[in-house]
């Protein structure tokens, strides 16, 4: 008997919840919890409708909760295996050549942000308001992604950055957490927060020369690498989180 409606609903629910929260869904299904209980415990922006549809599809396709739990568990395991496969691609902005096609840095950044369901970590030296990036970050925030961005400050740049504070580029994104490197100016008189990267859900890492500005995304020659799966995205995220925990990176207040 075809159970395609249930299978599609299960895949949609996993995509909406993310892999970690989908494990909680498995536990609720295995315990035969009701739809109302699942909606209460898994409450997340954008996920309620998908979870409700999963339960409704189980009823239409006569899928028992324990069988549904086994299916979702297997699907999550397959997604985790796929996530851990390592793929490395180069990303170039600027003039193209016949041998190396150019993929716009701007689109890669937006793609990385769009992939995030739980967590997005980013670092940049300079930043300017850039509509495509702002829209992607705002959409991520609205679906419940925890967003942390580390920026340089005008004070920290010691005159090498001009104009408005880089942090102001993110002022319109709801719930976005800003951080800065709280170094001692006497110990690090010529230092800069010069890292440029973005990590989505600790499984996709974009690392390159581009700042989060429109000129870097469209007009400059910029180079980077996009790493999907493996240890590099996870270790990069863990390093940032540990710097936060140690107080090397501190919250930036308006």
C-alpha atoms as a PDB file:
ATOM      1  CA  UNK A   1       0.000   0.000   0.000  1.00  0.00           C
ATOM      2  CA  UNK A   2       1.316   3.425  -0.938  1.00  0.00           C
ATOM      3  CA  UNK A   3       1.951   5.753   1.983  1.00  0.00           C
ATOM      4  CA  UNK A   4       3.332   8.600  -0.061  1.00  0.00           C
ATOM      5  CA  UNK A   5       1.347  11.302   1.763  1.00  0.00           C
ATOM      6  CA  UNK A   6       2.813  10.206   5.083  1.00  0.00           C
ATOM      7  CA  UNK A   7       6.340  10.001   3.668  1.00  0.00           C
ATOM      8  CA  UNK A   8       6.132  13.504   2.190  1.00  0.00           C
ATOM      9  CA  UNK A   9       4.691  14.843   5.446  1.00  0.00           C
ATOM     10  CA  UNK A  10       7.475  13.192   7.456  1.00  0.00           C
ATOM     11  CA  UNK A  11      10.181  14.688   5.233  1.00  0.00           C
ATOM     12  CA  UNK A  12       8.546  18.120   5.451  1.00  0.00           C
ATOM     13  CA  UNK A  13       8.363  17.906   9.247  1.00  0.00           C
ATOM     14  CA  UNK A  14      12.045  16.972   9.519  1.00  0.00           C
ATOM     15  CA  UNK A  15      12.998  19.882   7.256  1.00  0.00           C
ATOM     16  CA  UNK A  16      10.929  22.292   9.366  1.00  0.00           C
ATOM     17  CA  UNK A  17      12.168  21.031  12.731  1.00  0.00           C
ATOM     18  CA  UNK A  18      15.812  20.374  11.903  1.00  0.00           C
ATOM     19  CA  UNK A  19      17.602  17.125  12.692  1.00  0.00           C
ATOM     20  CA  UNK A  20      18.050  17.653  16.428  1.00  0.00           C
ATOM     21  CA  UNK A  21      14.411  18.570  17.070  1.00  0.00           C
ATOM     22  CA  UNK A  22      13.285  15.746  14.798  1.00  0.00           C
ATOM     23  CA  UNK A  23      14.823  13.324  17.298  1.00  0.00           C
ATOM     24  CA  UNK A  24      12.404  14.752  19.869  1.00  0.00           C
ATOM     25  CA  UNK A  25       9.574  14.082  17.408  1.00  0.00           C
ATOM     26  CA  UNK A  26      10.702  10.455  17.174  1.00  0.00           C
ATOM     27  CA  UNK A  27      10.451  10.121  20.951  1.00  0.00           C
ATOM     28  CA  UNK A  28       6.951  11.588  21.011  1.00  0.00           C
ATOM     29  CA  UNK A  29       5.784   9.254  18.245  1.00  0.00           C
ATOM     30  CA  UNK A  30       7.359   6.232  19.922  1.00  0.00           C
ATOM     31  CA  UNK A  31       5.453   7.058  23.136  1.00  0.00           C
ATOM     32  CA  UNK A  32       2.230   7.420  21.122  1.00  0.00           C
ATOM     33  CA  UNK A  33       1.809  11.037  22.186  1.00  0.00           C
ATOM     34  CA  UNK A  34      -1.114  12.930  20.715  1.00  0.00           C
ATOM     35  CA  UNK A  35      -0.883  15.616  18.050  1.00  0.00           C
ATOM     36  CA  UNK A  36      -1.722  18.242  20.660  1.00  0.00           C
ATOM     37  CA  UNK A  37       1.102  17.065  22.920  1.00  0.00           C
ATOM     38  CA  UNK A  38       3.572  17.076  20.021  1.00  0.00           C
ATOM     39  CA  UNK A  39       2.549  20.591  18.971  1.00  0.00           C
ATOM     40  CA  UNK A  40       2.991  21.826  22.539  1.00  0.00           C
ATOM     41  CA  UNK A  41       6.429  20.267  23.014  1.00  0.00           C
ATOM     42  CA  UNK A  42       7.811  20.980  19.548  1.00  0.00           C
ATOM     43  CA  UNK A  43       6.488  24.526  19.254  1.00  0.00           C
ATOM     44  CA  UNK A  44       8.740  26.383  16.809  1.00  0.00           C
ATOM     45  CA  UNK A  45       8.130  29.080  14.198  1.00  0.00           C
ATOM     46  CA  UNK A  46       7.191  27.467  10.903  1.00  0.00           C
ATOM     47  CA  UNK A  47       7.096  23.918  12.286  1.00  0.00           C
ATOM     48  CA  UNK A  48       3.604  23.646  13.806  1.00  0.00           C
ATOM     49  CA  UNK A  49       1.840  23.224  10.465  1.00  0.00           C
ATOM     50  CA  UNK A  50       4.320  20.560   9.318  1.00  0.00           C
ATOM     51  CA  UNK A  51       3.955  18.539  12.549  1.00  0.00           C
ATOM     52  CA  UNK A  52       0.155  18.779  12.421  1.00  0.00           C
ATOM     53  CA  UNK A  53       0.153  17.609   8.799  1.00  0.00           C
ATOM     54  CA  UNK A  54       2.370  14.658   9.709  1.00  0.00           C
ATOM     55  CA  UNK A  55      -0.143  13.478  12.313  1.00  0.00           C
ATOM     56  CA  UNK A  56      -3.023  14.009   9.880  1.00  0.00           C
ATOM     57  CA  UNK A  57      -1.181  12.038   7.171  1.00  0.00           C
ATOM     58  CA  UNK A  58      -0.571   9.213   9.647  1.00  0.00           C
ATOM     59  CA  UNK A  59      -4.328   8.992  10.102  1.00  0.00           C
ATOM     60  CA  UNK A  60      -5.124   9.118   6.392  1.00  0.00           C
ATOM     61  CA  UNK A  61      -2.504   6.485   5.519  1.00  0.00           C
ATOM     62  CA  UNK A  62      -3.205   4.333   8.617  1.00  0.00           C
ATOM     63  CA  UNK A  63       0.387   4.558   9.867  1.00  0.00           C
ATOM     64  CA  UNK A  64       0.680   3.555  13.564  1.00  0.00           C
ATOM     65  CA  UNK A  65       2.740   5.940  15.758  1.00  0.00           C
ATOM     66  CA  UNK A  66       5.453   3.351  16.426  1.00  0.00           C
ATOM     67  CA  UNK A  67       5.886   2.709  12.702  1.00  0.00           C
ATOM     68  CA  UNK A  68       5.948   6.464  12.074  1.00  0.00           C
ATOM     69  CA  UNK A  69       8.658   6.839  14.710  1.00  0.00           C
ATOM     70  CA  UNK A  70      10.763   4.162  13.005  1.00  0.00           C
ATOM     71  CA  UNK A  71      10.371   5.864   9.621  1.00  0.00           C
ATOM     72  CA  UNK A  72      11.320   9.314  10.935  1.00  0.00           C
ATOM     73  CA  UNK A  73      14.257   7.826  12.876  1.00  0.00           C
ATOM     74  CA  UNK A  74      15.565   6.159   9.730  1.00  0.00           C
ATOM     75  CA  UNK A  75      15.073   9.295   7.666  1.00  0.00           C
ATOM     76  CA  UNK A  76      16.969  11.411  10.220  1.00  0.00           C
ATOM     77  CA  UNK A  77      19.801   8.851  10.287  1.00  0.00           C
ATOM     78  CA  UNK A  78      20.044   8.955   6.487  1.00  0.00           C
ATOM     79  CA  UNK A  79      20.131  12.749   6.547  1.00  0.00           C
ATOM     80  CA  UNK A  80      22.896  12.698   9.154  1.00  0.00           C
ATOM     81  CA  UNK A  81      24.972  10.327   7.015  1.00  0.00           C
ATOM     82  CA  UNK A  82      24.462  12.537   3.977  1.00  0.00           C
ATOM     83  CA  UNK A  83      25.379  15.596   6.014  1.00  0.00           C
ATOM     84  CA  UNK A  84      28.669  14.039   7.094  1.00  0.00           C
ATOM     85  CA  UNK A  85      29.860  13.414   3.544  1.00  0.00           C
ATOM     86  CA  UNK A  86      32.531  16.014   2.839  1.00  0.00           C
ATOM     87  CA  UNK A  87      32.317  18.172  -0.253  1.00  0.00           C
ATOM     88  CA  UNK A  88      34.650  21.125  -0.885  1.00  0.00           C
ATOM     89  CA  UNK A  89      34.026  23.673  -3.640  1.00  0.00           C
ATOM     90  CA  UNK A  90      35.771  26.895  -4.548  1.00  0.00           C
ATOM     91  CA  UNK A  91      33.783  30.106  -4.830  1.00  0.00           C
ATOM     92  CA  UNK A  92      34.929  33.064  -6.922  1.00  0.00           C
ATOM     93  CA  UNK A  93      33.442  36.501  -7.481  1.00  0.00           C
ATOM     94  CA  UNK A  94      34.741  38.671 -10.315  1.00  0.00           C
ATOM     95  CA  UNK A  95      35.920  37.974 -13.872  1.00  0.00           C
ATOM     96  CA  UNK A  96      35.336  34.423 -15.048  1.00  0.00           C
ATOM     97  CA  UNK A  97      37.558  32.117 -17.072  1.00  0.00           C
ATOM     98  CA  UNK A  98      36.598  29.166 -19.310  1.00  0.00           C
ATOM     99  CA  UNK A  99      38.188  26.703 -16.898  1.00  0.00           C
ATOM    100  CA  UNK A 100      36.594  27.983 -13.686  1.00  0.00           C
ATOM    101  CA  UNK A 101      32.966  29.121 -13.671  1.00  0.00           C
ATOM    102  CA  UNK A 102      32.244  31.971 -11.282  1.00  0.00           C
ATOM    103  CA  UNK A 103      29.530  31.553  -8.670  1.00  0.00           C
ATOM    104  CA  UNK A 104      28.526  34.826  -7.037  1.00  0.00           C
ATOM    105  CA  UNK A 105      29.670  35.111  -3.442  1.00  0.00           C
ATOM    106  CA  UNK A 106      26.381  36.846  -2.635  1.00  0.00           C
ATOM    107  CA  UNK A 107      24.335  33.852  -3.725  1.00  0.00           C
ATOM    108  CA  UNK A 108      26.565  31.421  -1.816  1.00  0.00           C
ATOM    109  CA  UNK A 109      26.141  33.460   1.383  1.00  0.00           C
ATOM    110  CA  UNK A 110      22.373  33.528   0.933  1.00  0.00           C
ATOM    111  CA  UNK A 111      22.342  29.764   0.249  1.00  0.00           C
ATOM    112  CA  UNK A 112      24.292  29.078   3.446  1.00  0.00           C
ATOM    113  CA  UNK A 113      21.889  31.231   5.471  1.00  0.00           C
ATOM    114  CA  UNK A 114      18.896  29.515   3.857  1.00  0.00           C
ATOM    115  CA  UNK A 115      20.287  26.107   4.858  1.00  0.00           C
ATOM    116  CA  UNK A 116      20.273  26.994   8.564  1.00  0.00           C
ATOM    117  CA  UNK A 117      17.416  25.604  10.645  1.00  0.00           C
ATOM    118  CA  UNK A 118      18.898  25.773  14.153  1.00  0.00           C
ATOM    119  CA  UNK A 119      22.042  27.904  14.279  1.00  0.00           C
ATOM    120  CA  UNK A 120      23.939  30.374  12.114  1.00  0.00           C
ATOM    121  CA  UNK A 121      27.344  31.750  13.118  1.00  0.00           C
ATOM    122  CA  UNK A 122      29.139  34.399  11.071  1.00  0.00           C
ATOM    123  CA  UNK A 123      32.199  36.624  11.328  1.00  0.00           C
ATOM    124  CA  UNK A 124      33.080  39.688   9.271  1.00  0.00           C
ATOM    125  CA  UNK A 125      35.470  42.622   9.334  1.00  0.00           C
ATOM    126  CA  UNK A 126      33.410  45.209   7.457  1.00  0.00           C
ATOM    127  CA  UNK A 127      29.649  45.168   6.961  1.00  0.00           C
ATOM    128  CA  UNK A 128      27.194  47.401   5.159  1.00  0.00           C
ATOM    129  CA  UNK A 129      23.414  47.111   4.731  1.00  0.00           C
ATOM    130  CA  UNK A 130      22.820  44.735   1.826  1.00  0.00           C
ATOM    131  CA  UNK A 131      19.159  43.906   1.002  1.00  0.00           C
ATOM    132  CA  UNK A 132      19.640  40.314  -0.214  1.00  0.00           C
ATOM    133  CA  UNK A 133      21.616  39.413   2.904  1.00  0.00           C
ATOM    134  CA  UNK A 134      19.226  41.236   5.226  1.00  0.00           C
ATOM    135  CA  UNK A 135      16.235  39.417   3.734  1.00  0.00           C
ATOM    136  CA  UNK A 136      17.916  36.024   4.143  1.00  0.00           C
ATOM    137  CA  UNK A 137      18.911  36.750   7.759  1.00  0.00           C
ATOM    138  CA  UNK A 138      15.439  38.033   8.611  1.00  0.00           C
ATOM    139  CA  UNK A 139      13.822  34.917   7.125  1.00  0.00           C
ATOM    140  CA  UNK A 140      16.217  32.741   9.150  1.00  0.00           C
ATOM    141  CA  UNK A 141      15.337  34.608  12.350  1.00  0.00           C
ATOM    142  CA  UNK A 142      11.621  34.204  11.629  1.00  0.00           C
ATOM    143  CA  UNK A 143      11.970  30.425  11.312  1.00  0.00           C
ATOM    144  CA  UNK A 144      13.679  30.246  14.699  1.00  0.00           C
ATOM    145  CA  UNK A 145      17.372  30.140  13.754  1.00  0.00           C
ATOM    146  CA  UNK A 146      19.744  31.350  16.479  1.00  0.00           C
ATOM    147  CA  UNK A 147      21.966  33.904  14.710  1.00  0.00           C
ATOM    148  CA  UNK A 148      25.291  35.142  16.091  1.00  0.00           C
ATOM    149  CA  UNK A 149      27.458  37.566  14.093  1.00  0.00           C
ATOM    150  CA  UNK A 150      30.942  38.691  15.165  1.00  0.00           C
ATOM    151  CA  UNK A 151      31.924  42.106  13.775  1.00  0.00           C
ATOM    152  CA  UNK A 152      34.822  44.511  14.024  1.00  0.00           C
ATOM    153  CA  UNK A 153      34.182  47.904  15.610  1.00  0.00           C
ATOM    154  CA  UNK A 154      35.370  51.322  14.473  1.00  0.00           C
ATOM    155  CA  UNK A 155      37.339  51.586  17.706  1.00  0.00           C
ATOM    156  CA  UNK A 156      38.941  48.187  17.177  1.00  0.00           C
ATOM    157  CA  UNK A 157      39.826  49.002  13.556  1.00  0.00           C
ATOM    158  CA  UNK A 158      41.684  52.134  14.699  1.00  0.00           C
ATOM    159  CA  UNK A 159      40.793  54.279  11.709  1.00  0.00           C
ATOM    160  CA  UNK A 160      41.002  51.569   9.034  1.00  0.00           C
ATOM    161  CA  UNK A 161      37.209  51.374   8.834  1.00  0.00           C
ATOM    162  CA  UNK A 162      35.259  54.504   7.974  1.00  0.00           C
ATOM    163  CA  UNK A 163      31.619  55.516   8.196  1.00  0.00           C
ATOM    164  CA  UNK A 164      29.031  53.796  10.360  1.00  0.00           C
ATOM    165  CA  UNK A 165      29.671  50.922  12.750  1.00  0.00           C
ATOM    166  CA  UNK A 166      29.645  47.527  10.942  1.00  0.00           C
ATOM    167  CA  UNK A 167      27.116  46.302  13.512  1.00  0.00           C
ATOM    168  CA  UNK A 168      24.517  48.745  12.168  1.00  0.00           C
ATOM    169  CA  UNK A 169      24.216  46.641   9.012  1.00  0.00           C
ATOM    170  CA  UNK A 170      22.268  44.077  11.070  1.00  0.00           C
ATOM    171  CA  UNK A 171      20.060  46.472  13.054  1.00  0.00           C
ATOM    172  CA  UNK A 172      16.864  45.467  11.226  1.00  0.00           C
ATOM    173  CA  UNK A 173      17.254  41.694  11.773  1.00  0.00           C
ATOM    174  CA  UNK A 174      15.099  40.625  14.754  1.00  0.00           C
ATOM    175  CA  UNK A 175      16.813  38.654  17.503  1.00  0.00           C
ATOM    176  CA  UNK A 176      20.259  38.700  15.882  1.00  0.00           C
ATOM    177  CA  UNK A 177      23.078  38.527  18.451  1.00  0.00           C
ATOM    178  CA  UNK A 178      26.136  40.710  17.815  1.00  0.00           C
ATOM    179  CA  UNK A 179      29.586  40.039  19.251  1.00  0.00           C
ATOM    180  CA  UNK A 180      33.003  41.695  19.136  1.00  0.00           C
ATOM    181  CA  UNK A 181      36.567  40.758  20.045  1.00  0.00           C
ATOM    182  CA  UNK A 182      37.186  42.253  23.489  1.00  0.00           C
ATOM    183  CA  UNK A 183      40.985  42.394  23.219  1.00  0.00           C
ATOM    184  CA  UNK A 184      43.220  44.502  25.415  1.00  0.00           C
ATOM    185  CA  UNK A 185      44.433  47.395  23.214  1.00  0.00           C
ATOM    186  CA  UNK A 186      47.728  47.464  25.099  1.00  0.00           C
ATOM    187  CA  UNK A 187      48.393  43.784  24.465  1.00  0.00           C
ATOM    188  CA  UNK A 188      47.064  43.824  20.883  1.00  0.00           C
ATOM    189  CA  UNK A 189      47.691  47.354  19.596  1.00  0.00           C
ATOM    190  CA  UNK A 190      47.654  46.441  15.888  1.00  0.00           C
ATOM    191  CA  UNK A 191      45.170  43.551  15.887  1.00  0.00           C
ATOM    192  CA  UNK A 192      41.984  43.285  13.810  1.00  0.00           C
ATOM    193  CA  UNK A 193      38.942  40.999  13.850  1.00  0.00           C
ATOM    194  CA  UNK A 194      39.567  40.017  10.231  1.00  0.00           C
ATOM    195  CA  UNK A 195      37.871  36.596   9.942  1.00  0.00           C
ATOM    196  CA  UNK A 196      35.168  36.221   7.280  1.00  0.00           C
ATOM    197  CA  UNK A 197      33.024  33.110   7.472  1.00  0.00           C
ATOM    198  CA  UNK A 198      29.530  31.705   7.925  1.00  0.00           C
ATOM    199  CA  UNK A 199      28.549  28.339   9.440  1.00  0.00           C
ATOM    200  CA  UNK A 200      25.050  26.853   9.139  1.00  0.00           C
ATOM    201  CA  UNK A 201      23.975  24.176  11.631  1.00  0.00           C
ATOM    202  CA  UNK A 202      27.641  23.126  12.047  1.00  0.00           C
ATOM    203  CA  UNK A 203      27.468  21.252   8.743  1.00  0.00           C
ATOM    204  CA  UNK A 204      28.097  23.927   6.081  1.00  0.00           C
ATOM    205  CA  UNK A 205      31.024  26.357   6.222  1.00  0.00           C
ATOM    206  CA  UNK A 206      31.729  29.220   3.848  1.00  0.00           C
ATOM    207  CA  UNK A 207      35.189  30.664   4.419  1.00  0.00           C
ATOM    208  CA  UNK A 208      36.663  33.356   2.215  1.00  0.00           C
ATOM    209  CA  UNK A 209      37.992  36.830   1.636  1.00  0.00           C
ATOM    210  CA  UNK A 210      34.622  38.587   1.303  1.00  0.00           C
ATOM    211  CA  UNK A 211      33.213  40.928   3.917  1.00  0.00           C
ATOM    212  CA  UNK A 212      29.439  41.136   4.356  1.00  0.00           C
ATOM    213  CA  UNK A 213      29.095  44.062   1.975  1.00  0.00           C
ATOM    214  CA  UNK A 214      27.556  44.492  -1.466  1.00  0.00           C
ATOM    215  CA  UNK A 215      30.883  45.401  -3.042  1.00  0.00           C
ATOM    216  CA  UNK A 216      32.497  42.210  -1.733  1.00  0.00           C
ATOM    217  CA  UNK A 217      29.537  40.141  -2.867  1.00  0.00           C
ATOM    218  CA  UNK A 218      29.244  41.578  -6.369  1.00  0.00           C
ATOM    219  CA  UNK A 219      32.010  43.929  -7.518  1.00  0.00           C
ATOM    220  CA  UNK A 220      35.337  42.759  -6.088  1.00  0.00           C
ATOM    221  CA  UNK A 221      37.485  39.765  -6.950  1.00  0.00           C
ATOM    222  CA  UNK A 222      36.888  37.508  -3.959  1.00  0.00           C
ATOM    223  CA  UNK A 223      37.797  33.874  -3.342  1.00  0.00           C
ATOM    224  CA  UNK A 224      36.531  31.335  -0.860  1.00  0.00           C
ATOM    225  CA  UNK A 225      35.735  27.708  -0.186  1.00  0.00           C
ATOM    226  CA  UNK A 226      32.404  26.113   0.623  1.00  0.00           C
ATOM    227  CA  UNK A 227      32.695  23.015   2.820  1.00  0.00           C
ATOM    228  CA  UNK A 228      29.692  20.732   3.261  1.00  0.00           C
ATOM    229  CA  UNK A 229      29.853  17.947   5.845  1.00  0.00           C
ATOM    230  CA  UNK A 230      32.768  16.589   7.831  1.00  0.00           C
ATOM    231  CA  UNK A 231      34.566  18.113  10.801  1.00  0.00           C
ATOM    232  CA  UNK A 232      35.512  21.555   9.462  1.00  0.00           C
ATOM    233  CA  UNK A 233      32.083  23.228   9.863  1.00  0.00           C
ATOM    234  CA  UNK A 234      31.585  21.693  13.290  1.00  0.00           C
ATOM    235  CA  UNK A 235      35.047  22.633  14.546  1.00  0.00           C
ATOM    236  CA  UNK A 236      34.722  26.201  13.242  1.00  0.00           C
ATOM    237  CA  UNK A 237      31.421  26.619  15.090  1.00  0.00           C
ATOM    238  CA  UNK A 238      32.811  25.060  18.260  1.00  0.00           C
ATOM    239  CA  UNK A 239      35.777  27.460  18.183  1.00  0.00           C
ATOM    240  CA  UNK A 240      33.493  30.501  17.962  1.00  0.00           C
ATOM    241  CA  UNK A 241      31.238  29.228  20.754  1.00  0.00           C
ATOM    242  CA  UNK A 242      34.245  28.546  22.974  1.00  0.00           C
ATOM    243  CA  UNK A 243      35.608  32.061  22.361  1.00  0.00           C
ATOM    244  CA  UNK A 244      32.208  33.350  23.480  1.00  0.00           C
ATOM    245  CA  UNK A 245      32.234  31.154  26.575  1.00  0.00           C
ATOM    246  CA  UNK A 246      35.741  32.294  27.540  1.00  0.00           C
ATOM    247  CA  UNK A 247      34.810  35.951  27.163  1.00  0.00           C
ATOM    248  CA  UNK A 248      37.250  36.556  24.329  1.00  0.00           C
ATOM    249  CA  UNK A 249      34.190  37.440  22.279  1.00  0.00           C
ATOM    250  CA  UNK A 250      31.668  39.574  24.134  1.00  0.00           C
ATOM    251  CA  UNK A 251      28.099  40.690  23.353  1.00  0.00           C
ATOM    252  CA  UNK A 252      28.023  44.003  21.532  1.00  0.00           C
ATOM    253  CA  UNK A 253      25.428  46.359  22.981  1.00  0.00           C
ATOM    254  CA  UNK A 254      23.908  49.113  20.859  1.00  0.00           C
END
